[in-house]
């Protein structure tokens, strides 16, 4: 069985050989597919090794090759979200949900990122859509709704305090 280091070395060599090909990226779908596969593999290997900055770079390169691949946006967003980068994850989840609006998992991912950004109104909408698509995200929806209600109560309380201070 090959070690992780050997796999990484093989992928890097394969990737370098694909870069040396003279065929234009947009002209040959096979070359595009091979480059995308290399970036995908490298991103997943780096992520599994905890090399998050390297994984992020690979996903960025992969998205240049496949900007309309909702699954890639979702995987990248998940990597970002699980590494305390919800502000960077939200646009990726948004793009995944925009490209494939009928996928419950993508809507739920968007809801998660929006909750991390403390945007419960949009999160409730995303989780509601995820549930309506058949996803099992009722608990997340309820949590978002509770947080939304608490935020509204807090806002009312702050307004009341402000009014009392102005009087």
Protein backbone atom coordinates (compact mmCIF):
# COMPACT_ATOMS: atom_id res chain seq x y z
CA UNK A 1 0.00 0.00 0.00
CA UNK A 2 1.29 3.44 -0.90
CA UNK A 3 1.93 5.99 1.81
CA UNK A 4 0.25 9.38 1.75
CA UNK A 5 3.57 10.94 0.84
CA UNK A 6 3.96 8.62 -2.17
CA UNK A 7 0.43 9.40 -3.32
CA UNK A 8 1.08 13.13 -3.06
CA UNK A 9 4.35 12.75 -5.00
CA UNK A 10 2.64 10.74 -7.75
CA UNK A 11 -0.16 13.29 -8.02
CA UNK A 12 2.29 16.18 -8.18
CA UNK A 13 4.26 14.46 -10.94
CA UNK A 14 1.06 13.68 -12.84
CA UNK A 15 -0.15 17.23 -12.42
CA UNK A 16 3.15 18.65 -13.67
CA UNK A 17 3.03 16.43 -16.74
CA UNK A 18 -0.48 17.65 -17.55
CA UNK A 19 0.66 21.27 -17.23
CA UNK A 20 3.41 20.62 -19.77
CA UNK A 21 0.97 19.53 -22.43
CA UNK A 22 0.68 22.01 -25.28
CA UNK A 23 -3.05 21.61 -25.74
CA UNK A 24 -5.16 24.59 -24.73
CA UNK A 25 -7.30 24.16 -21.63
CA UNK A 26 -10.60 25.05 -23.28
CA UNK A 27 -9.89 22.94 -26.35
CA UNK A 28 -9.45 19.47 -24.90
CA UNK A 29 -12.04 18.21 -22.40
CA UNK A 30 -9.82 15.27 -21.49
CA UNK A 31 -7.02 17.57 -20.36
CA UNK A 32 -9.52 19.65 -18.39
CA UNK A 33 -10.87 16.54 -16.69
CA UNK A 34 -7.38 15.34 -15.79
CA UNK A 35 -6.37 18.70 -14.36
CA UNK A 36 -9.59 18.89 -12.38
CA UNK A 37 -9.01 15.37 -11.03
CA UNK A 38 -5.48 16.27 -9.95
CA UNK A 39 -6.64 19.40 -8.12
CA UNK A 40 -9.48 17.46 -6.50
CA UNK A 41 -7.15 14.73 -5.27
CA UNK A 42 -4.57 17.20 -4.01
CA UNK A 43 -7.21 19.28 -2.22
CA UNK A 44 -8.58 16.21 -0.44
CA UNK A 45 -5.14 14.91 0.46
CA UNK A 46 -4.03 18.27 1.83
CA UNK A 47 -7.26 18.60 3.80
CA UNK A 48 -6.86 15.12 5.28
CA UNK A 49 -3.31 15.99 6.32
CA UNK A 50 -4.46 19.21 7.96
CA UNK A 51 -2.69 21.37 5.37
CA UNK A 52 -5.65 23.69 5.04
CA UNK A 53 -3.92 26.61 3.24
CA UNK A 54 -2.66 24.20 0.56
CA UNK A 55 -6.12 22.60 0.27
CA UNK A 56 -7.69 26.04 -0.11
CA UNK A 57 -5.30 26.89 -2.93
CA UNK A 58 -6.13 23.62 -4.70
CA UNK A 59 -9.87 24.29 -4.42
CA UNK A 60 -9.36 27.80 -5.79
CA UNK A 61 -7.49 26.38 -8.78
CA UNK A 62 -10.14 23.69 -9.21
CA UNK A 63 -12.88 26.32 -9.25
CA UNK A 64 -11.06 28.18 -12.02
CA UNK A 65 -11.31 24.99 -14.08
CA UNK A 66 -14.87 24.04 -13.06
CA UNK A 67 -16.67 27.22 -11.94
CA UNK A 68 -20.12 25.70 -12.51
CA UNK A 69 -19.61 22.55 -10.47
CA UNK A 70 -21.92 22.86 -7.47
CA UNK A 71 -20.33 19.88 -5.72
CA UNK A 72 -16.89 21.53 -5.79
CA UNK A 73 -18.31 24.76 -4.36
CA UNK A 74 -20.02 22.74 -1.63
CA UNK A 75 -16.91 20.72 -0.74
CA UNK A 76 -14.80 23.89 -0.65
CA UNK A 77 -17.39 25.65 1.51
CA UNK A 78 -17.48 22.71 3.91
CA UNK A 79 -13.70 22.78 4.23
CA UNK A 80 -13.81 26.52 4.95
CA UNK A 81 -16.71 26.26 7.40
CA UNK A 82 -15.09 23.46 9.38
CA UNK A 83 -11.89 25.48 9.62
CA UNK A 84 -13.46 28.56 11.20
CA UNK A 85 -13.85 30.53 7.98
CA UNK A 86 -17.65 30.90 7.74
CA UNK A 87 -17.38 34.29 6.03
CA UNK A 88 -15.45 32.64 3.19
CA UNK A 89 -17.71 29.58 3.21
CA UNK A 90 -20.99 31.49 2.78
CA UNK A 91 -20.34 32.64 -0.82
CA UNK A 92 -19.31 29.10 -1.78
CA UNK A 93 -22.44 27.59 -0.21
CA UNK A 94 -24.48 30.32 -1.92
CA UNK A 95 -22.97 29.44 -5.29
CA UNK A 96 -23.57 25.72 -4.77
CA UNK A 97 -27.19 26.39 -3.81
CA UNK A 98 -27.60 28.74 -6.79
CA UNK A 99 -26.18 26.20 -9.25
CA UNK A 100 -28.25 23.32 -7.87
CA UNK A 101 -31.19 24.82 -5.95
CA UNK A 102 -32.98 21.48 -5.66
CA UNK A 103 -30.26 19.88 -3.49
CA UNK A 104 -31.28 19.96 0.16
CA UNK A 105 -27.72 19.46 1.42
CA UNK A 106 -26.55 22.62 -0.39
CA UNK A 107 -29.38 24.65 1.13
CA UNK A 108 -28.57 23.31 4.60
CA UNK A 109 -24.90 24.18 4.13
CA UNK A 110 -25.92 27.70 3.27
CA UNK A 111 -28.09 27.79 6.40
CA UNK A 112 -25.11 26.70 8.51
CA UNK A 113 -22.85 29.40 7.09
CA UNK A 114 -25.53 32.05 7.58
CA UNK A 115 -25.99 31.01 11.20
CA UNK A 116 -22.22 31.32 11.71
CA UNK A 117 -22.51 34.85 10.32
CA UNK A 118 -25.35 35.53 12.76
CA UNK A 119 -27.91 36.03 10.00
CA UNK A 120 -30.82 33.98 11.34
CA UNK A 121 -33.45 35.34 8.95
CA UNK A 122 -31.58 34.11 5.87
CA UNK A 123 -30.59 30.90 7.68
CA UNK A 124 -34.24 30.12 8.47
CA UNK A 125 -35.08 30.62 4.80
CA UNK A 126 -32.26 28.29 3.71
CA UNK A 127 -33.15 25.59 6.25
CA UNK A 128 -36.84 25.88 5.34
CA UNK A 129 -35.96 25.28 1.72
CA UNK A 130 -33.71 22.35 2.67
CA UNK A 131 -36.59 20.78 4.62
CA UNK A 132 -39.06 21.39 1.79
CA UNK A 133 -36.68 19.56 -0.55
CA UNK A 134 -36.92 16.50 1.67
CA UNK A 135 -33.85 17.07 3.78
CA UNK A 136 -33.85 16.07 7.42
CA UNK A 137 -32.82 19.45 8.80
CA UNK A 138 -35.77 20.13 11.13
CA UNK A 139 -33.52 20.41 14.19
CA UNK A 140 -31.30 22.98 12.49
CA UNK A 141 -34.39 24.86 11.31
CA UNK A 142 -35.82 24.91 14.83
CA UNK A 143 -32.50 26.13 16.26
CA UNK A 144 -32.34 28.89 13.67
CA UNK A 145 -35.94 29.88 14.40
CA UNK A 146 -35.24 30.00 18.15
CA UNK A 147 -32.15 32.13 17.56
CA UNK A 148 -34.18 34.37 15.24
CA UNK A 149 -36.86 34.83 17.92
CA UNK A 150 -34.22 35.59 20.57
CA UNK A 151 -32.62 38.18 18.29
CA UNK A 152 -36.00 39.87 17.74
CA UNK A 153 -36.64 39.97 21.50
CA UNK A 154 -33.16 41.39 22.07
CA UNK A 155 -33.72 44.05 19.41
CA UNK A 156 -37.04 45.05 21.03
CA UNK A 157 -35.37 45.20 24.44
CA UNK A 158 -32.58 47.42 23.08
CA UNK A 159 -35.12 49.76 21.46
CA UNK A 160 -37.06 49.99 24.72
CA UNK A 161 -33.88 50.77 26.65
CA UNK A 162 -32.95 53.41 24.11
CA UNK A 163 -36.38 55.01 24.39
CA UNK A 164 -36.12 55.05 28.20
CA UNK A 165 -32.67 56.62 28.03
CA UNK A 166 -33.94 59.32 25.66
CA UNK A 167 -36.79 60.24 28.01
